[in-house]
PDB file of N, CA and C in Angstrom:
ATOM      1  N   MET A   1      53.619  54.249  12.136  1.00  0.00           N
ATOM      2  CA  MET A   1      53.827  55.452  12.927  1.00  0.00           C
ATOM      3  C   MET A   1      52.681  56.422  12.645  1.00  0.00           C
ATOM      4  N   GLN A   2      52.073  56.907  13.694  1.00  0.00           N
ATOM      5  CA  GLN A   2      50.977  57.857  13.547  1.00  0.00           C
ATOM      6  C   GLN A   2      51.526  59.263  13.383  1.00  0.00           C
ATOM      7  N   SER A   3      50.893  60.025  12.505  1.00  0.00           N
ATOM      8  CA  SER A   3      51.254  61.422  12.298  1.00  0.00           C
ATOM      9  C   SER A   3      50.029  62.291  12.510  1.00  0.00           C
ATOM     10  N   TYR A   4      50.271  63.546  12.841  1.00  0.00           N
ATOM     11  CA  TYR A   4      49.198  64.486  13.151  1.00  0.00           C
ATOM     12  C   TYR A   4      49.321  65.716  12.269  1.00  0.00           C
ATOM     13  N   THR A   5      48.181  66.231  11.814  1.00  0.00           N
ATOM     14  CA  THR A   5      48.207  67.488  11.071  1.00  0.00           C
ATOM     15  C   THR A   5      48.626  68.607  12.021  1.00  0.00           C
ATOM     16  N   ILE A   6      49.032  69.706  11.451  1.00  0.00           N
ATOM     17  CA  ILE A   6      49.412  70.868  12.261  1.00  0.00           C
ATOM     18  C   ILE A   6      48.248  71.284  13.161  1.00  0.00           C
ATOM     19  N   GLY A   7      47.043  71.306  12.614  1.00  0.00           N
ATOM     20  CA  GLY A   7      45.875  71.714  13.397  1.00  0.00           C
ATOM     21  C   GLY A   7      45.593  70.779  14.562  1.00  0.00           C
ATOM     22  N   ARG A   8      45.653  69.477  14.307  1.00  0.00           N
ATOM     23  CA  ARG A   8      45.404  68.495  15.373  1.00  0.00           C
ATOM     24  C   ARG A   8      46.498  68.574  16.430  1.00  0.00           C
ATOM     25  N   ALA A   9      47.746  68.683  15.996  1.00  0.00           N
ATOM     26  CA  ALA A   9      48.860  68.792  16.940  1.00  0.00           C
ATOM     27  C   ALA A   9      48.705  70.045  17.798  1.00  0.00           C
ATOM     28  N   ALA A  10      48.299  71.146  17.177  1.00  0.00           N
ATOM     29  CA  ALA A  10      48.104  72.393  17.922  1.00  0.00           C
ATOM     30  C   ALA A  10      47.035  72.219  18.997  1.00  0.00           C
ATOM     31  N   ARG A  11      45.926  71.563  18.649  1.00  0.00           N
ATOM     32  CA  ARG A  11      44.861  71.334  19.643  1.00  0.00           C
ATOM     33  C   ARG A  11      45.377  70.486  20.799  1.00  0.00           C
ATOM     34  N   LEU A  12      46.147  69.454  20.494  1.00  0.00           N
ATOM     35  CA  LEU A  12      46.686  68.592  21.547  1.00  0.00           C
ATOM     36  C   LEU A  12      47.658  69.345  22.454  1.00  0.00           C
ATOM     37  N   LEU A  13      48.393  70.292  21.873  1.00  0.00           N
ATOM     38  CA  LEU A  13      49.366  71.071  22.638  1.00  0.00           C
ATOM     39  C   LEU A  13      48.736  72.275  23.344  1.00  0.00           C
ATOM     40  N   GLY A  14      47.519  72.638  22.950  1.00  0.00           N
ATOM     41  CA  GLY A  14      46.864  73.800  23.547  1.00  0.00           C
ATOM     42  C   GLY A  14      47.383  75.122  23.015  1.00  0.00           C
ATOM     43  N   VAL A  15      47.836  75.117  21.757  1.00  0.00           N
ATOM     44  CA  VAL A  15      48.321  76.344  21.118  1.00  0.00           C
ATOM     45  C   VAL A  15      47.553  76.543  19.815  1.00  0.00           C
ATOM     46  N   SER A  16      47.723  77.695  19.206  1.00  0.00           N
ATOM     47  CA  SER A  16      47.045  77.954  17.936  1.00  0.00           C
ATOM     48  C   SER A  16      47.778  77.235  16.799  1.00  0.00           C
ATOM     49  N   PRO A  17      47.071  76.943  15.706  1.00  0.00           N
ATOM     50  CA  PRO A  17      47.744  76.357  14.545  1.00  0.00           C
ATOM     51  C   PRO A  17      48.874  77.239  14.022  1.00  0.00           C
ATOM     52  N   ASP A  18      48.702  78.557  14.097  1.00  0.00           N
ATOM     53  CA  ASP A  18      49.773  79.463  13.663  1.00  0.00           C
ATOM     54  C   ASP A  18      51.032  79.268  14.498  1.00  0.00           C
ATOM     55  N   THR A  19      50.873  79.084  15.799  1.00  0.00           N
ATOM     56  CA  THR A  19      52.029  78.844  16.671  1.00  0.00           C
ATOM     57  C   THR A  19      52.715  77.544  16.281  1.00  0.00           C
ATOM     58  N   ALA A  20      51.944  76.493  16.059  1.00  0.00           N
ATOM     59  CA  ALA A  20      52.526  75.207  15.658  1.00  0.00           C
ATOM     60  C   ALA A  20      53.261  75.338  14.328  1.00  0.00           C
ATOM     61  N   ARG A  21      52.700  76.100  13.391  1.00  0.00           N
ATOM     62  CA  ARG A  21      53.377  76.323  12.103  1.00  0.00           C
ATOM     63  C   ARG A  21      54.685  77.086  12.298  1.00  0.00           C
ATOM     64  N   ARG A  22      54.660  78.103  13.149  1.00  0.00           N
ATOM     65  CA  ARG A  22      55.889  78.875  13.398  1.00  0.00           C
ATOM     66  C   ARG A  22      56.960  77.988  14.022  1.00  0.00           C
ATOM     67  N   TRP A  23      56.570  77.120  14.954  1.00  0.00           N
ATOM     68  CA  TRP A  23      57.533  76.195  15.559  1.00  0.00           C
ATOM     69  C   TRP A  23      58.132  75.283  14.493  1.00  0.00           C
ATOM     70  N   ALA A  24      57.291  74.802  13.577  1.00  0.00           N
ATOM     71  CA  ALA A  24      57.786  73.943  12.499  1.00  0.00           C
ATOM     72  C   ALA A  24      58.717  74.731  11.578  1.00  0.00           C
ATOM     73  N   ASP A  25      58.328  75.951  11.222  1.00  0.00           N
ATOM     74  CA  ASP A  25      59.166  76.784  10.351  1.00  0.00           C
ATOM     75  C   ASP A  25      60.510  77.097  10.996  1.00  0.00           C
ATOM     76  N   ALA A  26      60.523  77.239  12.314  1.00  0.00           N
ATOM     77  CA  ALA A  26      61.755  77.555  13.044  1.00  0.00           C
ATOM     78  C   ALA A  26      62.599  76.311  13.317  1.00  0.00           C
ATOM     79  N   GLY A  27      62.080  75.129  12.972  1.00  0.00           N
ATOM     80  CA  GLY A  27      62.834  73.902  13.199  1.00  0.00           C
ATOM     81  C   GLY A  27      62.666  73.317  14.590  1.00  0.00           C
ATOM     82  N   ARG A  28      61.735  73.841  15.341  1.00  0.00           N
ATOM     83  CA  ARG A  28      61.513  73.339  16.708  1.00  0.00           C
ATOM     84  C   ARG A  28      60.891  71.945  16.694  1.00  0.00           C
ATOM     85  N   VAL A  29      60.152  71.653  15.633  1.00  0.00           N
ATOM     86  CA  VAL A  29      59.571  70.320  15.448  1.00  0.00           C
ATOM     87  C   VAL A  29      59.642  69.985  13.952  1.00  0.00           C
ATOM     88  N   ALA A  30      59.989  68.739  13.651  1.00  0.00           N
ATOM     89  CA  ALA A  30      60.108  68.302  12.257  1.00  0.00           C
ATOM     90  C   ALA A  30      58.724  68.006  11.681  1.00  0.00           C
ATOM     91  N   THR A  31      58.560  68.314  10.408  1.00  0.00           N
ATOM     92  CA  THR A  31      57.323  67.972   9.708  1.00  0.00           C
ATOM     93  C   THR A  31      57.665  67.267   8.411  1.00  0.00           C
ATOM     94  N   HIS A  32      56.681  66.584   7.878  1.00  0.00           N
ATOM     95  CA  HIS A  32      56.774  66.014   6.538  1.00  0.00           C
ATOM     96  C   HIS A  32      55.426  66.239   5.873  1.00  0.00           C
ATOM     97  N   ARG A  33      55.354  66.033   4.576  1.00  0.00           N
ATOM     98  CA  ARG A  33      54.104  66.288   3.850  1.00  0.00           C
ATOM     99  C   ARG A  33      53.482  64.975   3.386  1.00  0.00           C
ATOM    100  N   ASP A  34      52.147  64.954   3.439  1.00  0.00           N
ATOM    101  CA  ASP A  34      51.448  63.779   2.925  1.00  0.00           C
ATOM    102  C   ASP A  34      51.226  63.959   1.423  1.00  0.00           C
ATOM    103  N   ASP A  35      50.546  63.011   0.802  1.00  0.00           N
ATOM    104  CA  ASP A  35      50.340  63.051  -0.647  1.00  0.00           C
ATOM    105  C   ASP A  35      49.533  64.256  -1.109  1.00  0.00           C
ATOM    106  N   SER A  36      48.713  64.809  -0.231  1.00  0.00           N
ATOM    107  CA  SER A  36      47.927  65.981  -0.611  1.00  0.00           C
ATOM    108  C   SER A  36      48.594  67.292  -0.211  1.00  0.00           C
ATOM    109  N   GLY A  37      49.811  67.223   0.332  1.00  0.00           N
ATOM    110  CA  GLY A  37      50.572  68.430   0.635  1.00  0.00           C
ATOM    111  C   GLY A  37      50.421  68.969   2.042  1.00  0.00           C
ATOM    112  N   ARG A  38      49.619  68.298   2.872  1.00  0.00           N
ATOM    113  CA  ARG A  38      49.458  68.769   4.258  1.00  0.00           C
ATOM    114  C   ARG A  38      50.712  68.468   5.062  1.00  0.00           C
ATOM    115  N   ARG A  39      51.070  69.408   5.927  1.00  0.00           N
ATOM    116  CA  ARG A  39      52.224  69.194   6.804  1.00  0.00           C
ATOM    117  C   ARG A  39      51.810  68.344   7.987  1.00  0.00           C
ATOM    118  N   LEU A  40      52.603  67.324   8.273  1.00  0.00           N
ATOM    119  CA  LEU A  40      52.312  66.395   9.354  1.00  0.00           C
ATOM    120  C   LEU A  40      53.474  66.349  10.330  1.00  0.00           C
ATOM    121  N   ILE A  41      53.153  66.083  11.575  1.00  0.00           N
ATOM    122  CA  ILE A  41      54.154  65.908  12.627  1.00  0.00           C
ATOM    123  C   ILE A  41      54.068  64.461  13.093  1.00  0.00           C
ATOM    124  N   ALA A  42      55.195  63.773  13.095  1.00  0.00           N
ATOM    125  CA  ALA A  42      55.227  62.384  13.559  1.00  0.00           C
ATOM    126  C   ALA A  42      54.891  62.337  15.045  1.00  0.00           C
ATOM    127  N   GLY A  43      54.234  61.273  15.457  1.00  0.00           N
ATOM    128  CA  GLY A  43      53.821  61.119  16.848  1.00  0.00           C
ATOM    129  C   GLY A  43      54.969  61.242  17.830  1.00  0.00           C
ATOM    130  N   ARG A  44      56.105  60.638  17.511  1.00  0.00           N
ATOM    131  CA  ARG A  44      57.253  60.709  18.432  1.00  0.00           C
ATOM    132  C   ARG A  44      57.786  62.138  18.543  1.00  0.00           C
ATOM    133  N   ASP A  45      57.733  62.894  17.438  1.00  0.00           N
ATOM    134  CA  ASP A  45      58.179  64.290  17.479  1.00  0.00           C
ATOM    135  C   ASP A  45      57.196  65.150  18.267  1.00  0.00           C
ATOM    136  N   LEU A  46      55.917  64.841  18.136  1.00  0.00           N
ATOM    137  CA  LEU A  46      54.906  65.561  18.909  1.00  0.00           C
ATOM    138  C   LEU A  46      55.077  65.279  20.401  1.00  0.00           C
ATOM    139  N   ALA A  47      55.354  64.028  20.744  1.00  0.00           N
ATOM    140  CA  ALA A  47      55.567  63.670  22.156  1.00  0.00           C
ATOM    141  C   ALA A  47      56.770  64.416  22.725  1.00  0.00           C
ATOM    142  N   ALA A  48      57.851  64.503  21.947  1.00  0.00           N
ATOM    143  CA  ALA A  48      59.040  65.226  22.403  1.00  0.00           C
ATOM    144  C   ALA A  48      58.722  66.706  22.607  1.00  0.00           C
ATOM    145  N   LEU A  49      57.917  67.269  21.726  1.00  0.00           N
ATOM    146  CA  LEU A  49      57.542  68.676  21.860  1.00  0.00           C
ATOM    147  C   LEU A  49      56.660  68.886  23.089  1.00  0.00           C
ATOM    148  N   CYS A  50      55.788  67.932  23.385  1.00  0.00           N
ATOM    149  CA  CYS A  50      54.939  68.023  24.588  1.00  0.00           C
ATOM    150  C   CYS A  50      55.786  68.125  25.850  1.00  0.00           C
ATOM    151  N   VAL A  51      56.854  67.366  25.901  1.00  0.00           N
ATOM    152  CA  VAL A  51      57.746  67.400  27.062  1.00  0.00           C
ATOM    153  C   VAL A  51      58.424  68.763  27.155  1.00  0.00           C
ATOM    154  N   GLU A  52      58.794  69.311  26.009  1.00  0.00           N
ATOM    155  CA  GLU A  52      59.495  70.598  25.955  1.00  0.00           C
ATOM    156  C   GLU A  52      58.580  71.755  26.344  1.00  0.00           C
ATOM    157  N   VAL A  53      57.332  71.690  25.901  1.00  0.00           N
ATOM    158  CA  VAL A  53      56.369  72.769  26.162  1.00  0.00           C
ATOM    159  C   VAL A  53      55.885  72.590  27.559  1.00  0.00           C
TER     160      VAL A  53
END
């Protein structure tokens, strides 16, 4: 399963990274952390958010 960083997901969605972080903090999209602590969004969750936005 491919995952995207908050920054990459934001670029794909056409929003700022801060907006993507706020959506994650609000529970609008699920995130998980990689070994270095970066927040990632699973590809399927990003696709669902694309439909919503």
